[in-house]
Protein backbone atom coordinates (compact mmCIF):
# COMPACT_ATOMS: atom_id res chain seq x y z
CA MET A 1 15.40 14.36 -23.36
CA ASN A 2 18.87 14.60 -24.80
CA SER A 3 21.08 17.37 -23.55
CA THR A 4 21.96 18.29 -27.13
CA TRP A 5 19.59 19.50 -29.80
CA ASP A 6 19.09 16.77 -32.37
CA PRO A 7 18.59 17.92 -35.95
CA MET A 8 14.92 17.83 -36.99
CA ASP A 9 13.53 16.73 -40.34
CA MET A 10 13.05 18.84 -43.40
CA PHE A 11 9.54 20.29 -43.74
CA LYS A 12 8.46 17.68 -46.32
CA ASP A 13 9.59 14.73 -44.24
CA ALA A 14 8.12 16.17 -41.05
CA PHE A 15 4.80 16.85 -42.77
CA ILE A 16 4.56 13.32 -44.18
CA LYS A 17 5.36 11.67 -40.86
CA ASN A 18 2.96 13.77 -38.86
CA PHE A 19 0.22 13.54 -41.46
CA VAL A 20 0.43 9.76 -41.46
CA LEU A 21 0.31 9.58 -37.65
CA VAL A 22 -2.59 12.04 -37.33
CA PHE A 23 -4.57 10.35 -40.14
CA VAL A 24 -4.10 6.91 -38.61
CA ALA A 25 -5.01 8.24 -35.15
CA ILE A 26 -8.21 9.86 -36.42
CA ILE A 27 -9.35 6.71 -38.24
CA PHE A 28 -8.49 4.47 -35.29
CA ASN A 29 -10.15 6.73 -32.70
CA TYR A 30 -13.29 7.03 -34.82
CA ILE A 31 -13.69 3.26 -35.13
CA SER A 32 -12.67 2.60 -31.55
CA GLY A 33 -14.87 5.45 -30.30
CA THR A 34 -17.82 3.86 -32.11
CA LEU A 35 -17.09 0.55 -30.35
CA VAL A 36 -16.85 2.27 -26.97
CA PHE A 37 -20.15 4.07 -27.63
CA ILE A 38 -21.80 0.75 -28.47
CA PHE A 39 -20.39 -0.78 -25.29
CA PHE A 40 -21.69 1.93 -22.96
CA THR A 41 -25.12 2.11 -24.62
CA ASN A 42 -25.79 -1.68 -24.58
CA GLN A 43 -25.87 -3.36 -21.20
CA ILE A 44 -25.57 -6.81 -22.81
CA PHE A 45 -21.79 -6.32 -22.91
CA TYR A 46 -21.52 -5.50 -19.20
CA THR A 47 -22.03 -9.10 -18.09
CA GLU A 48 -19.44 -10.83 -20.34
CA PRO A 49 -15.81 -10.72 -19.13
CA ARG A 50 -14.31 -11.00 -22.61
CA TYR A 51 -16.07 -7.82 -23.75
CA ILE A 52 -15.07 -6.00 -20.58
CA LEU A 53 -11.44 -6.97 -21.19
CA TYR A 54 -11.69 -6.05 -24.86
CA PHE A 55 -13.17 -2.61 -24.33
CA ASN A 56 -10.65 -1.92 -21.59
CA MET A 57 -7.93 -2.59 -24.18
CA VAL A 58 -9.68 -0.39 -26.76
CA ILE A 59 -9.93 2.56 -24.36
CA ASN A 60 -6.35 2.00 -23.23
CA ASP A 61 -5.06 2.02 -26.82
CA MET A 62 -7.09 5.13 -27.65
CA VAL A 63 -5.47 7.03 -24.79
CA MET A 64 -2.00 5.72 -25.62
CA LEU A 65 -2.23 6.49 -29.35
CA THR A 66 -3.73 9.93 -28.81
CA LEU A 67 -1.08 11.00 -26.32
CA THR A 68 1.87 9.60 -28.25
CA VAL A 69 0.70 11.25 -31.49
CA ALA A 70 0.16 14.50 -29.62
CA ILE A 71 3.70 14.35 -28.22
CA HIS A 72 5.11 13.52 -31.66
CA VAL A 73 3.33 16.38 -33.39
CA GLY A 74 4.04 18.76 -30.51
CA SER A 75 7.76 18.00 -30.62
CA TYR A 76 7.83 19.51 -34.12
CA ILE A 77 5.68 22.55 -33.25
CA TRP A 78 6.95 23.29 -29.71
CA PRO A 79 10.10 21.26 -29.15
CA LEU A 80 10.57 22.57 -25.62
CA PHE A 81 8.05 21.40 -23.03
CA LYS A 82 7.86 22.21 -19.36
CA MET A 83 9.18 19.26 -17.39
CA PRO A 84 5.98 18.63 -15.33
CA VAL A 85 3.83 18.55 -18.48
CA CYS A 86 6.19 16.19 -20.22
CA CYS A 87 6.35 13.92 -17.13
CA ILE A 88 2.57 13.65 -16.82
CA VAL A 89 1.99 12.87 -20.49
CA THR A 90 4.95 10.49 -20.56
CA ILE A 91 3.85 8.55 -17.48
CA ILE A 92 0.32 8.06 -18.87
CA SER A 93 1.75 7.03 -22.25
CA LEU A 94 4.12 4.53 -20.63
CA ILE A 95 1.38 3.00 -18.44
CA THR A 96 -1.00 2.51 -21.36
CA HIS A 97 1.84 1.22 -23.51
CA MET A 98 2.80 -1.43 -20.92
CA ASN A 99 -0.83 -2.34 -20.21
CA THR A 100 -1.71 -3.62 -23.69
CA PRO A 101 0.27 -6.87 -23.58
CA LEU A 102 -0.94 -7.58 -20.06
CA ASN A 103 -4.52 -7.04 -21.17
CA LEU A 104 -3.93 -9.41 -24.08
CA ALA A 105 -2.59 -11.99 -21.69
CA GLY A 106 -5.74 -11.63 -19.58
CA MET A 107 -7.89 -12.07 -22.66
CA ALA A 108 -5.92 -15.18 -23.60
CA ILE A 109 -6.47 -16.68 -20.12
CA GLU A 110 -10.19 -15.94 -20.31
CA ARG A 111 -10.46 -17.66 -23.70
CA TYR A 112 -8.41 -20.57 -22.37
CA ILE A 113 -10.87 -21.13 -19.52
CA ALA A 114 -13.88 -20.67 -21.83
CA ILE A 115 -12.71 -23.32 -24.33
CA CYS A 116 -10.67 -25.73 -22.18
CA ASP A 117 -12.89 -25.68 -19.08
CA PRO A 118 -16.33 -24.35 -20.16
CA LEU A 119 -18.21 -25.86 -17.21
CA HIS A 120 -16.30 -23.65 -14.74
CA HIS A 121 -16.05 -20.55 -16.93
CA ALA A 122 -19.07 -18.78 -15.46
CA GLU A 123 -17.83 -19.50 -11.94
CA VAL A 124 -14.22 -18.49 -12.49
CA CYS A 125 -14.59 -15.57 -14.91
CA THR A 126 -17.09 -13.37 -13.10
CA VAL A 127 -17.54 -9.64 -13.69
CA ARG A 128 -16.14 -8.83 -10.25
CA ARG A 129 -12.99 -10.92 -10.80
CA THR A 130 -12.57 -9.37 -14.24
CA TYR A 131 -12.45 -5.86 -12.79
CA ILE A 132 -10.02 -7.06 -10.08
CA ALA A 133 -7.79 -8.52 -12.80
CA LEU A 134 -7.95 -5.19 -14.68
CA ALA A 135 -6.95 -3.31 -11.56
CA ILE A 136 -3.96 -5.61 -11.15
CA THR A 137 -2.83 -5.19 -14.75
CA TRP A 138 -3.08 -1.40 -14.47
CA GLY A 139 -1.11 -1.52 -11.24
CA VAL A 140 1.61 -3.75 -12.70
CA ALA A 141 1.84 -1.52 -15.82
CA ALA A 142 2.22 1.57 -13.63
CA VAL A 143 5.21 0.22 -11.67
CA PRO A 144 7.92 0.86 -14.35
CA ALA A 145 6.66 4.37 -15.17
CA PHE A 146 6.48 5.51 -11.55
CA SER A 147 9.77 3.84 -10.69
CA ASP A 148 11.37 5.98 -13.43
CA LEU A 149 9.79 9.04 -11.87
CA VAL A 150 11.04 8.14 -8.38
CA ILE A 151 14.59 7.50 -9.65
CA THR A 152 14.56 10.76 -11.60
CA LEU A 153 13.39 12.64 -8.47
CA ALA A 154 16.22 11.04 -6.49
CA MET A 155 18.94 11.74 -9.06
CA GLN A 156 17.95 15.21 -10.27
CA PRO A 157 17.68 18.47 -8.31
CA LEU A 158 14.26 20.07 -7.89
CA SER A 159 15.30 22.82 -10.29
CA PHE A 160 15.40 20.21 -13.03
CA PHE A 161 11.57 19.99 -12.96
CA SER A 162 11.16 23.70 -13.67
CA THR A 163 13.19 23.59 -16.85
CA ALA A 164 12.04 23.27 -20.45
CA ILE A 165 13.16 20.10 -22.18
CA LEU A 166 12.91 18.25 -25.48
CA CYS A 167 9.96 15.94 -24.89
CA PHE A 168 10.40 13.37 -27.67
CA ILE A 169 8.40 10.16 -27.63
CA TYR A 170 11.54 8.35 -28.79
CA ASN A 171 13.67 9.39 -25.81
CA ILE A 172 11.72 9.11 -22.54
CA PHE A 173 13.37 9.38 -19.09
CA ASN A 174 16.87 9.09 -20.50
CA THR A 175 18.83 8.57 -17.25
CA PRO A 176 21.71 6.16 -16.65
CA TYR A 177 19.61 4.14 -14.16
CA HIS A 178 16.71 3.85 -16.56
CA GLU A 179 18.82 1.98 -19.09
CA VAL A 180 19.87 -0.65 -16.47
CA ARG A 181 16.51 -0.88 -14.73
CA GLY A 182 14.59 -0.77 -18.02
CA THR A 183 16.50 -3.73 -19.42
CA ALA A 184 15.95 -5.89 -16.34
CA VAL A 185 12.26 -5.06 -16.06
CA GLN A 186 11.69 -5.65 -19.78
CA VAL A 187 13.29 -9.06 -19.63
CA ILE A 188 11.11 -10.11 -16.71
CA TYR A 189 8.01 -8.48 -18.18
CA ILE A 190 8.45 -9.96 -21.67
CA SER A 191 9.23 -13.42 -20.26
CA PHE A 192 6.05 -13.44 -18.14
CA VAL A 193 3.80 -12.24 -20.96
CA TRP A 194 5.31 -14.55 -23.56
CA LEU A 195 5.12 -17.67 -21.35
CA THR A 196 1.48 -16.89 -20.54
CA LEU A 197 0.55 -16.24 -24.17
CA ILE A 198 2.42 -19.21 -25.63
CA TYR A 199 0.89 -21.63 -23.14
CA THR A 200 -2.67 -20.33 -23.40
CA TYR A 201 -2.77 -19.87 -27.15
CA PHE A 202 -1.46 -23.36 -27.95
CA ARG A 203 -3.85 -24.93 -25.43
CA VAL A 204 -6.76 -22.93 -26.86
CA LEU A 205 -5.75 -23.77 -30.39
CA PHE A 206 -5.73 -27.51 -29.86
CA ALA A 207 -8.75 -27.45 -27.52
CA ALA A 208 -10.84 -25.59 -30.08
CA LYS A 209 -9.88 -28.07 -32.74
CA ALA A 210 -10.67 -31.11 -30.60
CA ALA A 211 -13.86 -29.85 -28.96
CA SER A 212 -15.66 -28.35 -31.95
CA THR A 213 -17.80 -30.56 -34.16
CA ASP A 214 -18.45 -27.78 -36.61
CA PRO A 215 -15.48 -27.42 -39.03
CA ILE A 216 -16.47 -23.88 -39.92
CA SER A 217 -16.57 -22.81 -36.24
CA ALA A 218 -13.25 -24.53 -35.57
CA GLN A 219 -11.61 -22.81 -38.49
CA LYS A 220 -12.98 -19.42 -37.38
CA ALA A 221 -11.74 -20.01 -33.83
CA ARG A 222 -8.26 -20.86 -35.10
CA ASN A 223 -8.18 -17.84 -37.38
CA THR A 224 -9.19 -15.55 -34.52
CA ILE A 225 -6.55 -16.99 -32.25
CA LEU A 226 -3.87 -16.68 -34.92
CA LEU A 227 -4.90 -13.08 -35.64
CA HIS A 228 -4.82 -12.33 -31.94
CA ALA A 229 -1.35 -13.93 -31.74
CA VAL A 230 -0.12 -11.68 -34.52
CA GLN A 231 -1.34 -8.68 -32.55
CA VAL A 232 0.55 -9.88 -29.48
CA MET A 233 3.74 -10.40 -31.49
CA LEU A 234 3.47 -6.89 -32.95
CA CYS A 235 2.90 -5.42 -29.48
CA MET A 236 6.00 -7.17 -28.18
CA LEU A 237 8.06 -5.63 -31.00
CA SER A 238 8.05 -2.36 -29.06
CA TYR A 239 10.26 -3.95 -26.40
CA ILE A 240 13.04 -4.79 -28.84
CA THR A 241 12.93 -1.51 -30.76
CA PRO A 242 15.71 0.09 -28.60
CA TRP A 243 18.12 -2.61 -29.83
CA CYS A 244 16.84 -2.22 -33.39
CA ASP A 245 17.42 1.56 -33.12
CA ILE A 246 21.00 0.99 -31.96
CA PHE A 247 21.67 -1.47 -34.77
CA PHE A 248 20.26 0.62 -37.60
CA LEU A 249 21.60 3.92 -36.28
CA GLN A 250 25.10 2.51 -36.45
CA LEU A 251 24.56 1.59 -40.08
CA PHE A 252 22.64 4.70 -41.16
CA PRO A 253 23.43 7.50 -38.68
CA GLU A 254 22.25 10.18 -41.11
CA GLN A 255 18.72 8.66 -41.10
CA ARG A 256 18.19 8.99 -37.38
CA THR A 257 14.69 10.51 -37.32
CA THR A 258 13.44 8.21 -40.08
CA ILE A 259 14.68 5.10 -38.22
CA LEU A 260 13.19 6.23 -34.92
CA PHE A 261 9.87 7.06 -36.58
CA SER A 262 9.73 3.70 -38.41
CA THR A 263 10.42 1.62 -35.30
CA PHE A 264 7.96 3.70 -33.30
CA PHE A 265 5.22 3.28 -35.91
CA ILE A 266 5.79 -0.45 -36.38
CA GLY A 267 6.27 -1.31 -32.71
CA SER A 268 3.81 1.04 -30.97
CA VAL A 269 1.21 2.31 -33.47
CA LEU A 270 0.61 -0.52 -35.92
CA PRO A 271 -0.34 -3.19 -33.28
CA ARG A 272 -3.10 -0.91 -31.95
CA LEU A 273 -4.75 -0.82 -35.38
CA LEU A 274 -5.56 -4.54 -35.16
CA SER A 275 -7.71 -4.17 -32.03
CA PRO A 276 -10.95 -3.21 -33.83
CA LEU A 277 -10.29 -5.95 -36.41
CA VAL A 278 -9.79 -8.81 -33.92
CA TYR A 279 -13.17 -8.45 -32.16
CA GLY A 280 -14.96 -5.45 -33.68
CA ILE A 281 -15.29 -7.02 -37.11
CA ARG A 282 -14.88 -10.77 -36.48
CA ASP A 283 -17.15 -10.94 -33.40
CA GLN A 284 -20.70 -11.47 -34.63
CA LYS A 285 -22.40 -9.63 -31.77
CA LEU A 286 -20.23 -6.56 -32.04
CA PHE A 287 -20.35 -6.59 -35.82
CA MET A 288 -24.17 -6.66 -35.69
CA TYR A 289 -24.25 -3.57 -33.49
CA MET A 290 -21.60 -1.81 -35.59
CA LYS A 291 -23.47 -2.60 -38.79
CA GLY A 292 -26.72 -1.29 -37.32
CA TYR A 293 -24.97 1.86 -36.11
CA PHE A 294 -23.27 2.70 -39.41
CA LEU A 295 -26.31 1.83 -41.53
CA CYS A 296 -28.39 4.09 -39.32
CA ARG A 297 -25.84 6.89 -39.71
CA LEU A 298 -25.55 6.42 -43.48
CA SER A 299 -29.21 5.91 -44.27
CA ILE A 300 -30.87 8.43 -46.56
CA VAL A 301 -34.53 9.25 -46.07
CA LYS A 302 -36.39 10.40 -49.17
CA VAL A 303 -39.50 12.44 -48.68
CA ASN A 304 -41.83 12.60 -51.66
CA PRO A 305 -43.80 15.82 -52.04
CA THR A 306 -47.53 15.43 -51.54
């Protein structure tokens, strides 16, 4: 939303960037869509909180990735968007973007209770409480986005919302207050998520090692936790990308769009690609359903003539 028109990429660079994003989004949405289809067609997943939390994250990431890729591609085709359209898409993108780490924190807490206090897991982690926790995470994730909207409404005249603007995914709600408010909220937000994740993951890691008598199961549990931790670390990269952008843009100002695209892809897109891998492939129950689904789709029936 800069007031000046930033130079766009050459056709070759723009094509490569948008092709990579669209290709990744299609592959991710196909795999994630298969998982969502399996979830809604098998009631066995409805009664387990960890699957409810997981599929909430998958749907959240599908919406986030689809909208951000659409904004990125649209900024090259139609750089000027109507302000209301850009606001709606941006708010949804910001909410889903903020919701992923919170959902991961909730999944970490659920695994902590399941491993460290298994006798009370069924009592504490009920389906009803899981949906209440999801409602809270969505509400918390929506606060920064709507606070930006309220501040923009207060600082800008109503005529501002009838104008056409540059709706770039890199520069969202670029107002003076957003920079101050965004920094404070990010510090509090990151501190809360990091403290929750560090505590739960280390407790789960040591509890799984101490409680399991099967070395193979213990190793698998540790690998899953470490893979999940990598996903969390990658998700949190998106909250330091503004400082990375400032640093690298001072060194290479002529590579502005390449730097912004790289930090956006690494900090916002790449972490979402691990979601199907963490549970969709490593979880035996989900993998069994996925295997059956794909084998059914890929099976070839030969009919011999009589």
